[in-house]
Amino acid sequence: MFGSGRTVGIIIIIGGTLFACIGSAVSVVSVRLDPNGTVGGMMLGVGLSVLIAVPIIGLGGYLFWRGRKELAELAQIKRQKLILNMVKTQGQADVQDMVFELKTDTETVKKLIYDLVGKGLFHGYINWDDGILYSKQASALQGMTSCPNCGGEQEFVGQGIVQCRYCGAQIFL
């Protein structure tokens, strides 16, 4: 499950901290109660408790950090899924509607769309001037020699991306 690393990380950090505190307290109390106890013995006990606890706390910190990263990835996946749902259900979607729905800016929506194209999850075309994203089957776009938007000549501009020389529409293969 996404984000569970955060919870486990917090639990491990708390457990490691408790281990260090309890181990140190036991060392201090046992030296104070023993008439033959020495400060060196107390320092050894505290040092060992801390030495054992530091890697445990470090592991908890790593899991917490990783859990936060997973949550950020999940948020991006949800945004991309919303974009796909918007354009697949309607056949086309307005970029400004996506910006409003995602509560973000146009540049972020553009990056999300390019990421979907790069992953091979979206096929269609977009006219950035009009701000409309169109969904098309990849097989319908593969053999096209003219722009689906204006009929103009196309040229490759990136991996899986063709752009019309006239209207600037980008076709995602």
N, C-alpha and C. Protein backbone atom coordinates (compact mmCIF):
# COMPACT_ATOMS: atom_id res chain seq x y z
N MET A 1 0.85 -1.17 0.00
CA MET A 1 0.00 0.00 0.00
C MET A 1 0.89 1.23 0.00
N PHE A 2 0.51 2.24 -0.80
CA PHE A 2 1.29 3.46 -0.88
C PHE A 2 1.26 4.22 0.44
N GLY A 3 2.40 4.77 0.82
CA GLY A 3 2.48 5.60 2.01
C GLY A 3 2.61 4.84 3.31
N SER A 4 2.52 3.52 3.30
CA SER A 4 2.62 2.76 4.54
C SER A 4 4.04 2.84 5.10
N GLY A 5 5.02 3.12 4.23
CA GLY A 5 6.40 3.28 4.68
C GLY A 5 6.54 4.42 5.67
N ARG A 6 5.73 5.46 5.49
CA ARG A 6 5.76 6.58 6.44
C ARG A 6 5.38 6.12 7.83
N THR A 7 4.29 5.37 7.92
CA THR A 7 3.81 4.91 9.22
C THR A 7 4.81 3.96 9.86
N VAL A 8 5.31 3.02 9.08
CA VAL A 8 6.30 2.07 9.60
C VAL A 8 7.56 2.82 10.02
N GLY A 9 7.98 3.80 9.21
CA GLY A 9 9.16 4.60 9.55
C GLY A 9 9.00 5.33 10.87
N ILE A 10 7.84 5.92 11.09
CA ILE A 10 7.60 6.63 12.36
C ILE A 10 7.65 5.65 13.53
N ILE A 11 7.04 4.50 13.36
CA ILE A 11 7.04 3.49 14.44
C ILE A 11 8.46 3.05 14.75
N ILE A 12 9.27 2.81 13.71
CA ILE A 12 10.65 2.37 13.93
C ILE A 12 11.48 3.48 14.57
N ILE A 13 11.28 4.73 14.16
CA ILE A 13 12.01 5.84 14.78
C ILE A 13 11.66 5.94 16.26
N ILE A 14 10.38 5.85 16.57
CA ILE A 14 9.96 5.91 17.98
C ILE A 14 10.53 4.73 18.75
N GLY A 15 10.49 3.52 18.16
CA GLY A 15 11.04 2.34 18.82
C GLY A 15 12.53 2.46 19.06
N GLY A 16 13.28 2.95 18.08
CA GLY A 16 14.72 3.14 18.24
C GLY A 16 15.05 4.17 19.30
N THR A 17 14.27 5.24 19.32
CA THR A 17 14.48 6.28 20.35
C THR A 17 14.17 5.74 21.74
N LEU A 18 13.08 5.00 21.84
CA LEU A 18 12.74 4.39 23.14
C LEU A 18 13.82 3.40 23.58
N PHE A 19 14.34 2.61 22.64
CA PHE A 19 15.40 1.66 22.97
C PHE A 19 16.62 2.39 23.53
N ALA A 20 17.02 3.48 22.88
CA ALA A 20 18.18 4.25 23.35
C ALA A 20 17.92 4.84 24.73
N CYS A 21 16.73 5.39 24.93
CA CYS A 21 16.41 6.02 26.22
C CYS A 21 16.32 4.98 27.34
N ILE A 22 15.63 3.88 27.07
CA ILE A 22 15.47 2.85 28.11
C ILE A 22 16.81 2.19 28.41
N GLY A 23 17.58 1.88 27.36
CA GLY A 23 18.90 1.28 27.57
C GLY A 23 19.82 2.19 28.37
N SER A 24 19.79 3.48 28.06
CA SER A 24 20.60 4.45 28.80
C SER A 24 20.13 4.57 30.24
N ALA A 25 18.81 4.61 30.42
CA ALA A 25 18.27 4.72 31.78
C ALA A 25 18.63 3.49 32.61
N VAL A 26 18.56 2.31 32.03
CA VAL A 26 18.92 1.09 32.75
C VAL A 26 20.39 1.14 33.15
N SER A 27 21.26 1.60 32.26
CA SER A 27 22.69 1.70 32.57
C SER A 27 22.93 2.68 33.71
N VAL A 28 22.31 3.82 33.66
CA VAL A 28 22.50 4.83 34.69
C VAL A 28 21.97 4.34 36.04
N VAL A 29 20.77 3.77 36.06
CA VAL A 29 20.16 3.31 37.31
C VAL A 29 20.96 2.16 37.90
N SER A 30 21.40 1.21 37.07
CA SER A 30 22.14 0.06 37.60
C SER A 30 23.47 0.48 38.18
N VAL A 31 24.13 1.47 37.60
CA VAL A 31 25.41 1.94 38.16
C VAL A 31 25.17 2.69 39.47
N ARG A 32 24.10 3.44 39.54
CA ARG A 32 23.81 4.20 40.77
C ARG A 32 23.42 3.26 41.91
N LEU A 33 22.70 2.20 41.60
CA LEU A 33 22.25 1.27 42.64
C LEU A 33 23.36 0.32 43.10
N ASP A 34 24.32 0.05 42.23
CA ASP A 34 25.42 -0.86 42.58
C ASP A 34 26.54 -0.06 43.24
N PRO A 35 26.91 -0.43 44.47
CA PRO A 35 27.98 0.32 45.14
C PRO A 35 29.32 0.18 44.42
N ASN A 36 29.51 -0.87 43.64
CA ASN A 36 30.77 -1.04 42.92
C ASN A 36 30.68 -0.52 41.48
N GLY A 37 29.57 0.06 41.12
CA GLY A 37 29.38 0.56 39.75
C GLY A 37 30.30 1.73 39.47
N THR A 38 30.76 1.81 38.22
CA THR A 38 31.68 2.89 37.84
C THR A 38 31.06 3.75 36.74
N VAL A 39 31.62 4.92 36.60
CA VAL A 39 31.16 5.83 35.56
C VAL A 39 31.48 5.24 34.18
N GLY A 40 32.60 4.53 34.07
CA GLY A 40 32.98 3.89 32.81
C GLY A 40 31.95 2.85 32.39
N GLY A 41 31.45 2.07 33.34
CA GLY A 41 30.43 1.08 33.03
C GLY A 41 29.14 1.73 32.57
N MET A 42 28.81 2.86 33.24
CA MET A 42 27.60 3.58 32.87
C MET A 42 27.75 4.14 31.44
N MET A 43 28.91 4.70 31.12
CA MET A 43 29.15 5.27 29.80
C MET A 43 29.13 4.17 28.72
N LEU A 44 29.66 3.00 29.07
CA LEU A 44 29.64 1.88 28.13
C LEU A 44 28.21 1.46 27.83
N GLY A 45 27.38 1.36 28.85
CA GLY A 45 25.98 0.98 28.66
C GLY A 45 25.22 1.99 27.83
N VAL A 46 25.42 3.28 28.13
CA VAL A 46 24.76 4.34 27.36
C VAL A 46 25.24 4.32 25.92
N GLY A 47 26.56 4.18 25.74
CA GLY A 47 27.15 4.17 24.39
C GLY A 47 26.63 3.01 23.56
N LEU A 48 26.54 1.80 24.16
CA LEU A 48 26.03 0.65 23.43
C LEU A 48 24.55 0.83 23.07
N SER A 49 23.79 1.39 23.98
CA SER A 49 22.36 1.62 23.70
C SER A 49 22.19 2.57 22.52
N VAL A 50 22.96 3.63 22.53
CA VAL A 50 22.88 4.61 21.44
C VAL A 50 23.41 4.00 20.14
N LEU A 51 24.51 3.26 20.21
CA LEU A 51 25.11 2.64 19.04
C LEU A 51 24.15 1.66 18.36
N ILE A 52 23.41 0.93 19.14
CA ILE A 52 22.42 0.00 18.58
C ILE A 52 21.21 0.76 18.03
N ALA A 53 20.82 1.85 18.68
CA ALA A 53 19.62 2.59 18.28
C ALA A 53 19.82 3.42 17.02
N VAL A 54 21.03 3.91 16.77
CA VAL A 54 21.25 4.81 15.63
C VAL A 54 20.90 4.14 14.29
N PRO A 55 21.35 2.92 13.99
CA PRO A 55 20.93 2.31 12.70
C PRO A 55 19.42 2.06 12.64
N ILE A 56 18.82 1.74 13.75
CA ILE A 56 17.37 1.51 13.76
C ILE A 56 16.64 2.81 13.44
N ILE A 57 17.06 3.90 14.04
CA ILE A 57 16.46 5.21 13.77
C ILE A 57 16.73 5.62 12.32
N GLY A 58 17.93 5.33 11.82
CA GLY A 58 18.25 5.63 10.42
C GLY A 58 17.35 4.87 9.46
N LEU A 59 17.09 3.59 9.74
CA LEU A 59 16.19 2.80 8.91
C LEU A 59 14.79 3.40 8.94
N GLY A 60 14.34 3.80 10.11
CA GLY A 60 13.02 4.42 10.22
C GLY A 60 12.95 5.72 9.43
N GLY A 61 14.04 6.50 9.48
CA GLY A 61 14.08 7.74 8.70
C GLY A 61 14.02 7.49 7.21
N TYR A 62 14.75 6.44 6.76
CA TYR A 62 14.72 6.09 5.34
C TYR A 62 13.32 5.66 4.91
N LEU A 63 12.67 4.81 5.71
CA LEU A 63 11.32 4.35 5.37
C LEU A 63 10.32 5.51 5.36
N PHE A 64 10.48 6.43 6.29
CA PHE A 64 9.61 7.61 6.33
C PHE A 64 9.80 8.44 5.05
N TRP A 65 11.06 8.68 4.67
CA TRP A 65 11.36 9.46 3.46
C TRP A 65 10.81 8.75 2.22
N ARG A 66 11.00 7.45 2.14
CA ARG A 66 10.52 6.67 1.00
C ARG A 66 8.98 6.70 0.92
N GLY A 67 8.34 6.63 2.08
CA GLY A 67 6.88 6.70 2.11
C GLY A 67 6.35 8.02 1.60
N ARG A 68 7.03 9.10 1.93
CA ARG A 68 6.63 10.42 1.43
C ARG A 68 6.79 10.49 -0.08
N LYS A 69 7.87 9.91 -0.58
CA LYS A 69 8.12 9.89 -2.02
C LYS A 69 7.04 9.07 -2.73
N GLU A 70 6.63 7.95 -2.13
CA GLU A 70 5.57 7.12 -2.72
C GLU A 70 4.25 7.89 -2.78
N LEU A 71 3.95 8.67 -1.77
CA LEU A 71 2.72 9.46 -1.77
C LEU A 71 2.74 10.51 -2.88
N ALA A 72 3.90 11.12 -3.10
CA ALA A 72 4.03 12.10 -4.19
C ALA A 72 3.82 11.42 -5.54
N GLU A 73 4.39 10.22 -5.71
CA GLU A 73 4.20 9.47 -6.96
C GLU A 73 2.73 9.10 -7.14
N LEU A 74 2.08 8.71 -6.08
CA LEU A 74 0.67 8.36 -6.15
C LEU A 74 -0.17 9.56 -6.56
N ALA A 75 0.16 10.74 -6.04
CA ALA A 75 -0.57 11.95 -6.40
C ALA A 75 -0.41 12.23 -7.90
N GLN A 76 0.78 12.03 -8.44
CA GLN A 76 1.00 12.25 -9.87
C GLN A 76 0.22 11.22 -10.69
N ILE A 77 0.21 9.98 -10.25
CA ILE A 77 -0.55 8.94 -10.96
C ILE A 77 -2.04 9.29 -10.97
N LYS A 78 -2.55 9.77 -9.86
CA LYS A 78 -3.97 10.16 -9.80
C LYS A 78 -4.27 11.30 -10.77
N ARG A 79 -3.34 12.27 -10.86
CA ARG A 79 -3.53 13.39 -11.79
C ARG A 79 -3.55 12.89 -13.23
N GLN A 80 -2.61 12.00 -13.55
CA GLN A 80 -2.55 11.48 -14.91
C GLN A 80 -3.80 10.65 -15.23
N LYS A 81 -4.28 9.91 -14.26
CA LYS A 81 -5.48 9.11 -14.46
C LYS A 81 -6.68 10.03 -14.72
N LEU A 82 -6.75 11.15 -14.01
CA LEU A 82 -7.84 12.10 -14.22
C LEU A 82 -7.78 12.69 -15.63
N ILE A 83 -6.57 13.01 -16.10
CA ILE A 83 -6.41 13.53 -17.47
C ILE A 83 -6.89 12.49 -18.48
N LEU A 84 -6.44 11.25 -18.30
CA LEU A 84 -6.86 10.19 -19.22
C LEU A 84 -8.37 9.99 -19.20
N ASN A 85 -8.96 10.00 -18.02
CA ASN A 85 -10.41 9.83 -17.91
C ASN A 85 -11.16 10.97 -18.59
N MET A 86 -10.68 12.19 -18.42
CA MET A 86 -11.33 13.34 -19.04
C MET A 86 -11.32 13.24 -20.56
N VAL A 87 -10.17 12.91 -21.12
CA VAL A 87 -10.06 12.90 -22.57
C VAL A 87 -10.65 11.64 -23.19
N LYS A 88 -10.57 10.51 -22.50
CA LYS A 88 -11.13 9.26 -23.06
C LYS A 88 -12.65 9.26 -23.04
N THR A 89 -13.26 9.80 -22.00
CA THR A 89 -14.73 9.78 -21.93
C THR A 89 -15.37 10.75 -22.90
N GLN A 90 -14.70 11.87 -23.16
CA GLN A 90 -15.28 12.89 -24.03
C GLN A 90 -14.71 12.87 -25.44
N GLY A 91 -13.58 12.16 -25.63
CA GLY A 91 -12.91 12.17 -26.93
C GLY A 91 -12.00 13.37 -27.09
N GLN A 92 -12.25 14.38 -26.32
CA GLN A 92 -11.41 15.58 -26.31
C GLN A 92 -11.58 16.27 -24.97
N ALA A 93 -10.58 17.05 -24.60
CA ALA A 93 -10.65 17.77 -23.34
C ALA A 93 -9.91 19.09 -23.47
N ASP A 94 -10.45 20.10 -22.85
CA ASP A 94 -9.84 21.42 -22.83
C ASP A 94 -8.73 21.45 -21.78
N VAL A 95 -7.58 21.95 -22.15
CA VAL A 95 -6.44 22.01 -21.24
C VAL A 95 -6.76 22.89 -20.04
N GLN A 96 -7.49 23.98 -20.25
CA GLN A 96 -7.85 24.86 -19.14
C GLN A 96 -8.79 24.17 -18.15
N ASP A 97 -9.65 23.29 -18.66
CA ASP A 97 -10.49 22.50 -17.76
C ASP A 97 -9.63 21.57 -16.90
N MET A 98 -8.59 21.00 -17.52
CA MET A 98 -7.67 20.13 -16.78
C MET A 98 -6.93 20.93 -15.71
N VAL A 99 -6.49 22.13 -16.08
CA VAL A 99 -5.80 23.00 -15.12
C VAL A 99 -6.71 23.29 -13.93
N PHE A 100 -7.97 23.60 -14.21
CA PHE A 100 -8.93 23.89 -13.16
C PHE A 100 -9.21 22.65 -12.30
N GLU A 101 -9.43 21.51 -12.96
CA GLU A 101 -9.76 20.27 -12.26
C GLU A 101 -8.60 19.79 -11.37
N LEU A 102 -7.37 19.95 -11.87
CA LEU A 102 -6.19 19.49 -11.12
C LEU A 102 -5.67 20.54 -10.14
N LYS A 103 -6.23 21.74 -10.22
CA LYS A 103 -5.80 22.85 -9.35
C LYS A 103 -4.29 23.08 -9.48
N THR A 104 -3.85 23.25 -10.73
CA THR A 104 -2.44 23.43 -11.01
C THR A 104 -2.28 24.43 -12.15
N ASP A 105 -1.11 24.48 -12.78
CA ASP A 105 -0.89 25.40 -13.89
C ASP A 105 -0.76 24.64 -15.21
N THR A 106 -0.77 25.38 -16.30
CA THR A 106 -0.71 24.80 -17.63
C THR A 106 0.57 24.02 -17.86
N GLU A 107 1.68 24.52 -17.37
CA GLU A 107 2.97 23.85 -17.56
C GLU A 107 2.98 22.47 -16.90
N THR A 108 2.38 22.36 -15.73
CA THR A 108 2.31 21.06 -15.06
C THR A 108 1.43 20.09 -15.85
N VAL A 109 0.32 20.57 -16.37
CA VAL A 109 -0.56 19.72 -17.18
C VAL A 109 0.20 19.26 -18.43
N LYS A 110 0.96 20.16 -19.03
CA LYS A 110 1.74 19.83 -20.22
C LYS A 110 2.75 18.72 -19.89
N LYS A 111 3.42 18.84 -18.77
CA LYS A 111 4.39 17.81 -18.36
C LYS A 111 3.70 16.47 -18.11
N LEU A 112 2.53 16.51 -17.49
CA LEU A 112 1.78 15.27 -17.24
C LEU A 112 1.37 14.59 -18.55
N ILE A 113 0.94 15.40 -19.52
CA ILE A 113 0.54 14.85 -20.82
C ILE A 113 1.75 14.23 -21.52
N TYR A 114 2.88 14.93 -21.54
CA TYR A 114 4.09 14.38 -22.16
C TYR A 114 4.55 13.10 -21.45
N ASP A 115 4.39 13.05 -20.15
CA ASP A 115 4.75 11.84 -19.40
C ASP A 115 3.85 10.67 -19.80
N LEU A 116 2.56 10.93 -19.97
CA LEU A 116 1.63 9.89 -20.42
C LEU A 116 2.00 9.40 -21.82
N VAL A 117 2.38 10.33 -22.69
CA VAL A 117 2.79 9.96 -24.05
C VAL A 117 4.07 9.12 -23.99
N GLY A 118 5.02 9.55 -23.17
CA GLY A 118 6.28 8.84 -23.04
C GLY A 118 6.10 7.42 -22.52
N LYS A 119 5.11 7.22 -21.68
CA LYS A 119 4.82 5.89 -21.14
C LYS A 119 3.97 5.06 -22.09
N GLY A 120 3.53 5.68 -23.18
CA GLY A 120 2.70 4.96 -24.15
C GLY A 120 1.26 4.79 -23.70
N LEU A 121 0.80 5.60 -22.76
CA LEU A 121 -0.55 5.47 -22.23
C LEU A 121 -1.57 6.37 -22.94
N PHE A 122 -1.07 7.34 -23.71
CA PHE A 122 -1.99 8.24 -24.41
C PHE A 122 -1.59 8.35 -25.87
N HIS A 123 -2.60 8.27 -26.74
CA HIS A 123 -2.42 8.47 -28.17
C HIS A 123 -3.49 9.46 -28.62
N GLY A 124 -3.08 10.42 -29.37
CA GLY A 124 -4.00 11.44 -29.85
C GLY A 124 -3.21 12.63 -30.34
N TYR A 125 -3.82 13.79 -30.29
CA TYR A 125 -3.10 14.99 -30.68
C TYR A 125 -3.62 16.18 -29.88
N ILE A 126 -2.82 17.25 -29.90
CA ILE A 126 -3.19 18.46 -29.17
C ILE A 126 -2.83 19.68 -30.00
N ASN A 127 -3.69 20.64 -29.95
CA ASN A 127 -3.41 21.94 -30.54
C ASN A 127 -3.20 22.88 -29.36
N TRP A 128 -1.94 23.20 -29.09
CA TRP A 128 -1.64 24.02 -27.91
C TRP A 128 -2.23 25.42 -28.03
N ASP A 129 -2.37 25.93 -29.27
CA ASP A 129 -2.95 27.27 -29.45
C ASP A 129 -4.40 27.30 -29.00
N ASP A 130 -5.16 26.27 -29.38
CA ASP A 130 -6.57 26.18 -28.97
C ASP A 130 -6.72 25.58 -27.58
N GLY A 131 -5.70 24.84 -27.14
CA GLY A 131 -5.73 24.23 -25.81
C GLY A 131 -6.68 23.06 -25.70
N ILE A 132 -6.78 22.26 -26.78
CA ILE A 132 -7.68 21.12 -26.76
C ILE A 132 -6.89 19.85 -27.04
N LEU A 133 -7.10 18.85 -26.21
CA LEU A 133 -6.44 17.55 -26.32
C LEU A 133 -7.45 16.57 -26.89
N TYR A 134 -7.06 15.90 -27.99
CA TYR A 134 -7.94 14.96 -28.67
C TYR A 134 -7.42 13.54 -28.50
N SER A 135 -8.31 12.62 -28.24
CA SER A 135 -7.95 11.21 -28.12
C SER A 135 -8.24 10.51 -29.44
N LYS A 136 -7.28 9.74 -29.92
CA LYS A 136 -7.45 8.94 -31.14
C LYS A 136 -6.76 7.62 -30.91
N GLN A 137 -7.22 6.60 -31.59
CA GLN A 137 -6.57 5.30 -31.54
C GLN A 137 -5.19 5.42 -32.20
N ALA A 138 -4.21 4.76 -31.63
CA ALA A 138 -2.86 4.81 -32.17
C ALA A 138 -2.82 4.29 -33.60
N SER A 139 -3.61 3.26 -33.90
CA SER A 139 -3.61 2.70 -35.25
C SER A 139 -4.12 3.72 -36.27
N ALA A 140 -5.04 4.58 -35.88
CA ALA A 140 -5.56 5.60 -36.79
C ALA A 140 -4.53 6.69 -37.05
N LEU A 141 -3.67 6.94 -36.10
CA LEU A 141 -2.67 8.00 -36.24
C LEU A 141 -1.40 7.52 -36.93
N GLN A 142 -1.10 6.23 -36.85
CA GLN A 142 0.17 5.69 -37.36
C GLN A 142 0.37 5.97 -38.84
N GLY A 143 -0.64 5.72 -39.66
CA GLY A 143 -0.47 5.85 -41.10
C GLY A 143 -0.75 7.24 -41.65
N MET A 144 -1.12 8.15 -40.82
CA MET A 144 -1.50 9.49 -41.29
C MET A 144 -0.29 10.25 -41.82
N THR A 145 -0.48 10.90 -42.95
CA THR A 145 0.58 11.73 -43.50
C THR A 145 0.24 13.22 -43.40
N SER A 146 -1.00 13.50 -43.03
CA SER A 146 -1.40 14.90 -42.89
C SER A 146 -1.94 15.14 -41.47
N CYS A 147 -1.91 16.39 -41.07
CA CYS A 147 -2.35 16.80 -39.73
C CYS A 147 -3.85 16.55 -39.56
N PRO A 148 -4.27 15.92 -38.45
CA PRO A 148 -5.70 15.70 -38.23
C PRO A 148 -6.44 17.01 -37.90
N ASN A 149 -5.69 18.05 -37.56
CA ASN A 149 -6.30 19.31 -37.19
C ASN A 149 -6.54 20.21 -38.41
N CYS A 150 -5.50 20.36 -39.28
CA CYS A 150 -5.64 21.29 -40.41
C CYS A 150 -5.33 20.66 -41.76
N GLY A 151 -4.81 19.42 -41.76
CA GLY A 151 -4.47 18.77 -43.01
C GLY A 151 -3.08 19.10 -43.52
N GLY A 152 -2.33 19.87 -42.76
CA GLY A 152 -0.98 20.28 -43.17
C GLY A 152 0.05 19.16 -43.05
N GLU A 153 1.26 19.47 -43.49
CA GLU A 153 2.37 18.51 -43.48
C GLU A 153 2.91 18.36 -42.06
N GLN A 154 3.31 17.12 -41.73
CA GLN A 154 3.80 16.82 -40.38
C GLN A 154 5.30 16.55 -40.41
N GLU A 155 5.94 16.75 -39.24
CA GLU A 155 7.35 16.40 -39.09
C GLU A 155 7.58 15.86 -37.69
N PHE A 156 8.53 14.92 -37.57
CA PHE A 156 8.86 14.34 -36.26
C PHE A 156 9.61 15.37 -35.43
N VAL A 157 9.20 15.51 -34.16
CA VAL A 157 9.89 16.44 -33.26
C VAL A 157 10.40 15.75 -32.00
N GLY A 158 10.06 14.51 -31.81
CA GLY A 158 10.51 13.77 -30.64
C GLY A 158 10.07 12.33 -30.75
N GLN A 159 10.46 11.54 -29.79
CA GLN A 159 10.10 10.13 -29.81
C GLN A 159 8.60 9.98 -29.62
N GLY A 160 7.93 9.53 -30.65
CA GLY A 160 6.49 9.33 -30.60
C GLY A 160 5.68 10.60 -30.74
N ILE A 161 6.33 11.71 -31.12
CA ILE A 161 5.63 13.00 -31.26
C ILE A 161 5.88 13.57 -32.65
N VAL A 162 4.80 13.89 -33.34
CA VAL A 162 4.86 14.51 -34.66
C VAL A 162 4.16 15.86 -34.53
N GLN A 163 4.72 16.88 -35.21
CA GLN A 163 4.13 18.21 -35.11
C GLN A 163 3.81 18.73 -36.52
N CYS A 164 2.67 19.39 -36.61
CA CYS A 164 2.25 19.99 -37.87
C CYS A 164 3.09 21.25 -38.11
N ARG A 165 3.57 21.40 -39.34
CA ARG A 165 4.38 22.58 -39.67
C ARG A 165 3.55 23.85 -39.75
N TYR A 166 2.24 23.71 -39.95
CA TYR A 166 1.39 24.88 -40.19
C TYR A 166 0.66 25.36 -38.94
N CYS A 167 -0.07 24.46 -38.30
CA CYS A 167 -0.87 24.89 -37.14
C CYS A 167 -0.18 24.61 -35.80
N GLY A 168 0.88 23.80 -35.81
CA GLY A 168 1.63 23.53 -34.58
C GLY A 168 1.02 22.43 -33.73
N ALA A 169 -0.04 21.77 -34.22
CA ALA A 169 -0.65 20.67 -33.46
C ALA A 169 0.37 19.55 -33.28
N GLN A 170 0.39 18.96 -32.10
CA GLN A 170 1.30 17.85 -31.82
C GLN A 170 0.49 16.57 -31.81
N ILE A 171 0.98 15.57 -32.57
CA ILE A 171 0.31 14.29 -32.67
C ILE A 171 1.14 13.29 -31.87
N PHE A 172 0.49 12.59 -30.95
CA PHE A 172 1.16 11.63 -30.09
C PHE A 172 0.89 10.23 -30.61
N LEU A 173 1.93 9.59 -31.12
CA LEU A 173 1.78 8.24 -31.69
C LEU A 173 1.93 7.17 -30.63
